[in-house]
N, C-alpha and C. Protein backbone atom coordinates (compact mmCIF):
# COMPACT_ATOMS: atom_id res chain seq x y z
N MET A 1 81.13 103.05 171.75
CA MET A 1 80.62 103.48 170.47
C MET A 1 81.65 103.21 169.36
N GLU A 2 82.21 102.06 169.39
CA GLU A 2 83.16 101.69 168.35
C GLU A 2 82.44 101.37 167.05
N ASN A 3 83.11 101.60 165.94
CA ASN A 3 82.60 101.25 164.62
C ASN A 3 81.19 101.78 164.36
N MET A 4 81.01 103.06 164.59
CA MET A 4 79.71 103.67 164.32
C MET A 4 79.49 103.83 162.83
N THR A 5 78.28 103.58 162.41
CA THR A 5 77.90 103.87 161.04
C THR A 5 77.39 105.31 161.00
N ILE A 6 77.18 105.82 159.81
CA ILE A 6 76.59 107.15 159.67
C ILE A 6 75.20 107.14 160.30
N LYS A 7 74.47 106.06 160.08
CA LYS A 7 73.12 105.93 160.65
C LYS A 7 73.19 105.98 162.18
N ASP A 8 74.15 105.30 162.78
CA ASP A 8 74.33 105.33 164.24
C ASP A 8 74.62 106.75 164.72
N LEU A 9 75.49 107.44 163.99
CA LEU A 9 75.86 108.79 164.37
C LEU A 9 74.66 109.73 164.25
N GLN A 10 73.88 109.57 163.19
CA GLN A 10 72.67 110.39 163.05
C GLN A 10 71.71 110.14 164.22
N LYS A 11 71.54 108.90 164.58
CA LYS A 11 70.64 108.56 165.69
C LYS A 11 71.16 109.15 167.00
N TYR A 12 72.44 109.01 167.25
CA TYR A 12 73.06 109.54 168.48
C TYR A 12 72.85 111.05 168.58
N ILE A 13 73.14 111.77 167.50
CA ILE A 13 73.01 113.23 167.53
C ILE A 13 71.54 113.64 167.63
N LYS A 14 70.65 112.91 166.96
CA LYS A 14 69.23 113.24 167.03
C LYS A 14 68.69 113.08 168.45
N GLU A 15 69.15 112.05 169.15
CA GLU A 15 68.72 111.85 170.54
C GLU A 15 69.23 112.95 171.45
N LYS A 16 70.38 113.50 171.11
CA LYS A 16 71.03 114.52 171.93
C LYS A 16 70.58 115.93 171.58
N ASP A 17 70.35 116.18 170.30
CA ASP A 17 70.11 117.55 169.83
C ASP A 17 69.23 117.51 168.58
N TYR A 18 67.95 117.74 168.77
CA TYR A 18 67.01 117.71 167.65
C TYR A 18 65.97 118.80 167.85
N LYS A 19 66.13 119.89 167.10
CA LYS A 19 65.21 121.01 167.20
C LYS A 19 64.86 121.49 165.79
N PRO A 20 63.91 120.83 165.14
CA PRO A 20 63.56 121.18 163.76
C PRO A 20 63.20 122.66 163.58
N GLU A 21 62.69 123.28 164.61
CA GLU A 21 62.32 124.69 164.50
C GLU A 21 63.55 125.61 164.38
N LEU A 22 64.74 125.04 164.62
CA LEU A 22 65.97 125.83 164.56
C LEU A 22 66.83 125.49 163.34
N LYS A 23 66.19 125.13 162.23
CA LYS A 23 66.92 124.75 161.02
C LYS A 23 67.95 125.82 160.63
N ASN A 24 67.52 127.07 160.64
CA ASN A 24 68.42 128.15 160.27
C ASN A 24 69.61 128.26 161.23
N ALA A 25 69.36 128.06 162.50
CA ALA A 25 70.43 128.13 163.50
C ALA A 25 71.45 127.02 163.28
N TYR A 26 71.00 125.82 162.94
CA TYR A 26 71.93 124.73 162.63
C TYR A 26 72.82 125.13 161.45
N PHE A 27 72.22 125.74 160.43
CA PHE A 27 72.99 126.15 159.26
C PHE A 27 73.98 127.25 159.63
N GLN A 28 73.55 128.21 160.41
CA GLN A 28 74.45 129.28 160.83
C GLN A 28 75.63 128.72 161.63
N LYS A 29 75.36 127.76 162.50
CA LYS A 29 76.44 127.12 163.26
C LYS A 29 77.39 126.37 162.33
N LEU A 30 76.85 125.72 161.32
CA LEU A 30 77.69 125.02 160.35
C LEU A 30 78.65 126.00 159.68
N ILE A 31 78.13 127.13 159.24
CA ILE A 31 78.97 128.15 158.59
C ILE A 31 80.04 128.64 159.56
N GLU A 32 79.66 128.87 160.80
CA GLU A 32 80.62 129.30 161.82
C GLU A 32 81.73 128.26 161.99
N GLU A 33 81.33 127.01 162.06
CA GLU A 33 82.32 125.94 162.27
C GLU A 33 83.23 125.76 161.06
N VAL A 34 82.70 125.97 159.86
CA VAL A 34 83.54 125.91 158.65
C VAL A 34 84.59 127.02 158.71
N GLY A 35 84.19 128.19 159.18
CA GLY A 35 85.15 129.29 159.35
C GLY A 35 86.23 128.94 160.36
N GLU A 36 85.85 128.32 161.46
CA GLU A 36 86.83 127.91 162.47
C GLU A 36 87.74 126.82 161.92
N LEU A 37 87.20 125.92 161.11
CA LEU A 37 88.01 124.89 160.47
C LEU A 37 89.04 125.54 159.55
N SER A 38 88.61 126.54 158.80
CA SER A 38 89.52 127.25 157.90
C SER A 38 90.69 127.84 158.67
N GLU A 39 90.40 128.41 159.82
CA GLU A 39 91.45 129.03 160.64
C GLU A 39 92.47 128.00 161.15
N VAL A 40 91.99 126.88 161.68
CA VAL A 40 92.94 125.89 162.21
C VAL A 40 93.68 125.17 161.09
N LEU A 41 93.04 125.05 159.91
CA LEU A 41 93.76 124.49 158.76
C LEU A 41 94.91 125.41 158.36
N ARG A 42 94.64 126.70 158.33
CA ARG A 42 95.68 127.67 157.98
C ARG A 42 96.84 127.60 158.96
N LYS A 43 96.53 127.38 160.24
CA LYS A 43 97.56 127.32 161.28
C LYS A 43 98.11 125.91 161.45
N ASP A 44 97.49 124.93 160.77
CA ASP A 44 97.90 123.52 160.83
C ASP A 44 97.97 122.99 162.26
N LYS A 45 96.95 123.31 163.04
CA LYS A 45 96.90 122.86 164.44
C LYS A 45 96.37 121.44 164.50
N ARG A 46 97.17 120.52 165.00
CA ARG A 46 96.80 119.10 165.03
C ARG A 46 96.76 118.56 166.46
N LEU A 47 95.93 117.57 166.65
CA LEU A 47 95.76 116.91 167.94
C LEU A 47 97.08 116.35 168.46
N LYS A 48 97.81 115.64 167.62
CA LYS A 48 99.06 115.00 168.06
C LYS A 48 100.11 116.03 168.49
N GLN A 49 100.11 117.18 167.86
CA GLN A 49 101.09 118.22 168.21
C GLN A 49 100.73 118.89 169.54
N GLN A 50 99.44 119.08 169.79
CA GLN A 50 99.00 119.83 170.96
C GLN A 50 98.68 118.96 172.17
N GLY A 51 98.41 117.67 171.94
CA GLY A 51 98.06 116.78 173.04
C GLY A 51 96.63 116.96 173.54
N THR A 52 95.89 117.84 172.91
CA THR A 52 94.49 118.07 173.24
C THR A 52 93.73 118.35 171.96
N ILE A 53 92.46 117.98 171.92
CA ILE A 53 91.66 118.21 170.73
C ILE A 53 91.23 119.67 170.60
N LYS A 54 91.26 120.40 171.71
CA LYS A 54 90.80 121.80 171.73
C LYS A 54 91.59 122.65 170.74
N GLY A 55 90.85 123.32 169.84
CA GLY A 55 91.48 124.23 168.89
C GLY A 55 92.24 123.56 167.77
N THR A 56 91.86 122.33 167.43
CA THR A 56 92.58 121.58 166.40
C THR A 56 91.71 121.33 165.17
N ILE A 57 92.36 120.89 164.11
CA ILE A 57 91.64 120.49 162.90
C ILE A 57 90.65 119.37 163.25
N GLU A 58 91.09 118.45 164.07
CA GLU A 58 90.23 117.33 164.47
C GLU A 58 88.95 117.81 165.15
N GLU A 59 89.08 118.78 166.06
CA GLU A 59 87.91 119.30 166.76
C GLU A 59 86.95 119.99 165.78
N GLU A 60 87.49 120.81 164.90
CA GLU A 60 86.63 121.55 163.98
C GLU A 60 85.99 120.64 162.94
N LEU A 61 86.69 119.60 162.50
CA LEU A 61 86.07 118.63 161.60
C LEU A 61 84.89 117.94 162.28
N TYR A 62 85.06 117.60 163.56
CA TYR A 62 83.95 117.01 164.31
C TYR A 62 82.77 117.99 164.35
N ASP A 63 83.05 119.25 164.65
CA ASP A 63 81.98 120.25 164.75
C ASP A 63 81.24 120.41 163.42
N VAL A 64 81.98 120.45 162.31
CA VAL A 64 81.35 120.56 160.99
C VAL A 64 80.48 119.33 160.74
N LEU A 65 81.01 118.15 161.02
CA LEU A 65 80.24 116.91 160.84
C LEU A 65 78.98 116.92 161.70
N TYR A 66 79.10 117.39 162.93
CA TYR A 66 77.96 117.45 163.85
C TYR A 66 76.82 118.27 163.26
N TYR A 67 77.14 119.45 162.73
CA TYR A 67 76.08 120.31 162.20
C TYR A 67 75.57 119.86 160.84
N VAL A 68 76.40 119.19 160.05
CA VAL A 68 75.90 118.58 158.82
C VAL A 68 74.87 117.51 159.19
N ILE A 69 75.19 116.71 160.17
CA ILE A 69 74.27 115.66 160.61
C ILE A 69 73.03 116.27 161.25
N GLY A 70 73.22 117.32 162.04
CA GLY A 70 72.07 118.00 162.65
C GLY A 70 71.10 118.51 161.60
N LEU A 71 71.64 119.10 160.53
CA LEU A 71 70.79 119.58 159.43
C LEU A 71 70.09 118.41 158.74
N ALA A 72 70.81 117.35 158.48
CA ALA A 72 70.20 116.18 157.86
C ALA A 72 69.05 115.67 158.73
N ASN A 73 69.26 115.65 160.02
CA ASN A 73 68.22 115.16 160.93
C ASN A 73 66.97 116.03 160.90
N VAL A 74 67.13 117.34 160.93
CA VAL A 74 65.94 118.19 160.97
C VAL A 74 65.18 118.17 159.64
N TYR A 75 65.85 117.77 158.58
CA TYR A 75 65.18 117.60 157.28
C TYR A 75 64.82 116.14 157.01
N ASN A 76 65.03 115.27 158.01
CA ASN A 76 64.74 113.83 157.88
C ASN A 76 65.42 113.20 156.67
N ILE A 77 66.70 113.49 156.53
CA ILE A 77 67.50 112.97 155.43
C ILE A 77 68.40 111.86 155.95
N ASP A 78 68.35 110.72 155.30
CA ASP A 78 69.20 109.57 155.63
C ASP A 78 70.52 109.74 154.87
N LEU A 79 71.58 110.11 155.59
CA LEU A 79 72.86 110.39 154.94
C LEU A 79 73.50 109.14 154.34
N GLU A 80 73.24 107.97 154.92
CA GLU A 80 73.77 106.74 154.32
C GLU A 80 73.14 106.53 152.94
N GLU A 81 71.85 106.74 152.85
CA GLU A 81 71.16 106.60 151.56
C GLU A 81 71.70 107.63 150.56
N CYS A 82 71.91 108.86 151.03
CA CYS A 82 72.46 109.91 150.15
C CYS A 82 73.85 109.52 149.65
N PHE A 83 74.64 108.95 150.53
CA PHE A 83 75.99 108.52 150.15
C PHE A 83 75.92 107.50 149.02
N ILE A 84 75.07 106.52 149.18
CA ILE A 84 74.94 105.46 148.18
C ILE A 84 74.45 106.03 146.85
N LEU A 85 73.43 106.86 146.90
CA LEU A 85 72.89 107.46 145.68
C LEU A 85 73.92 108.35 144.98
N LYS A 86 74.64 109.14 145.75
CA LYS A 86 75.65 110.03 145.17
C LYS A 86 76.84 109.25 144.62
N LYS A 87 77.20 108.17 145.31
CA LYS A 87 78.30 107.32 144.82
C LYS A 87 77.95 106.75 143.45
N GLU A 88 76.73 106.31 143.30
CA GLU A 88 76.28 105.76 142.01
C GLU A 88 76.26 106.84 140.94
N LEU A 89 75.77 108.01 141.29
CA LEU A 89 75.76 109.12 140.35
C LEU A 89 77.18 109.49 139.91
N ASN A 90 78.10 109.54 140.86
CA ASN A 90 79.49 109.87 140.54
C ASN A 90 80.15 108.78 139.70
N LYS A 91 79.76 107.53 139.92
CA LYS A 91 80.31 106.42 139.14
C LYS A 91 79.97 106.62 137.67
N GLU A 92 78.74 107.04 137.41
CA GLU A 92 78.32 107.30 136.04
C GLU A 92 79.02 108.55 135.48
N LYS A 93 79.09 109.55 136.30
CA LYS A 93 79.65 110.84 135.85
C LYS A 93 81.14 110.76 135.57
N TYR A 94 81.89 110.05 136.44
CA TYR A 94 83.35 110.03 136.33
C TYR A 94 83.92 108.72 135.83
N LYS A 95 83.07 107.73 135.60
CA LYS A 95 83.46 106.39 135.11
C LYS A 95 84.81 106.03 135.60
């Protein structure tokens, strides 16, 4: 799975975990993971220092990304398209 695009990642996660009826649960998990990210950021726990991804900033960033993508999937949102549209909007806003 080298050089995955956002679209590839969305497809991968959708094939693995797609439960539109649990939209609220995906959001609650996202909030939980953001809290865990906050904790490891405060402690500055890194993969290279620990030799394992468990309990690191890297692990929690993955978890946050996973649930952002899970939410996008259950709402049928193409995150690549959103990125392009938002980039253009920001270009105008911030010149």
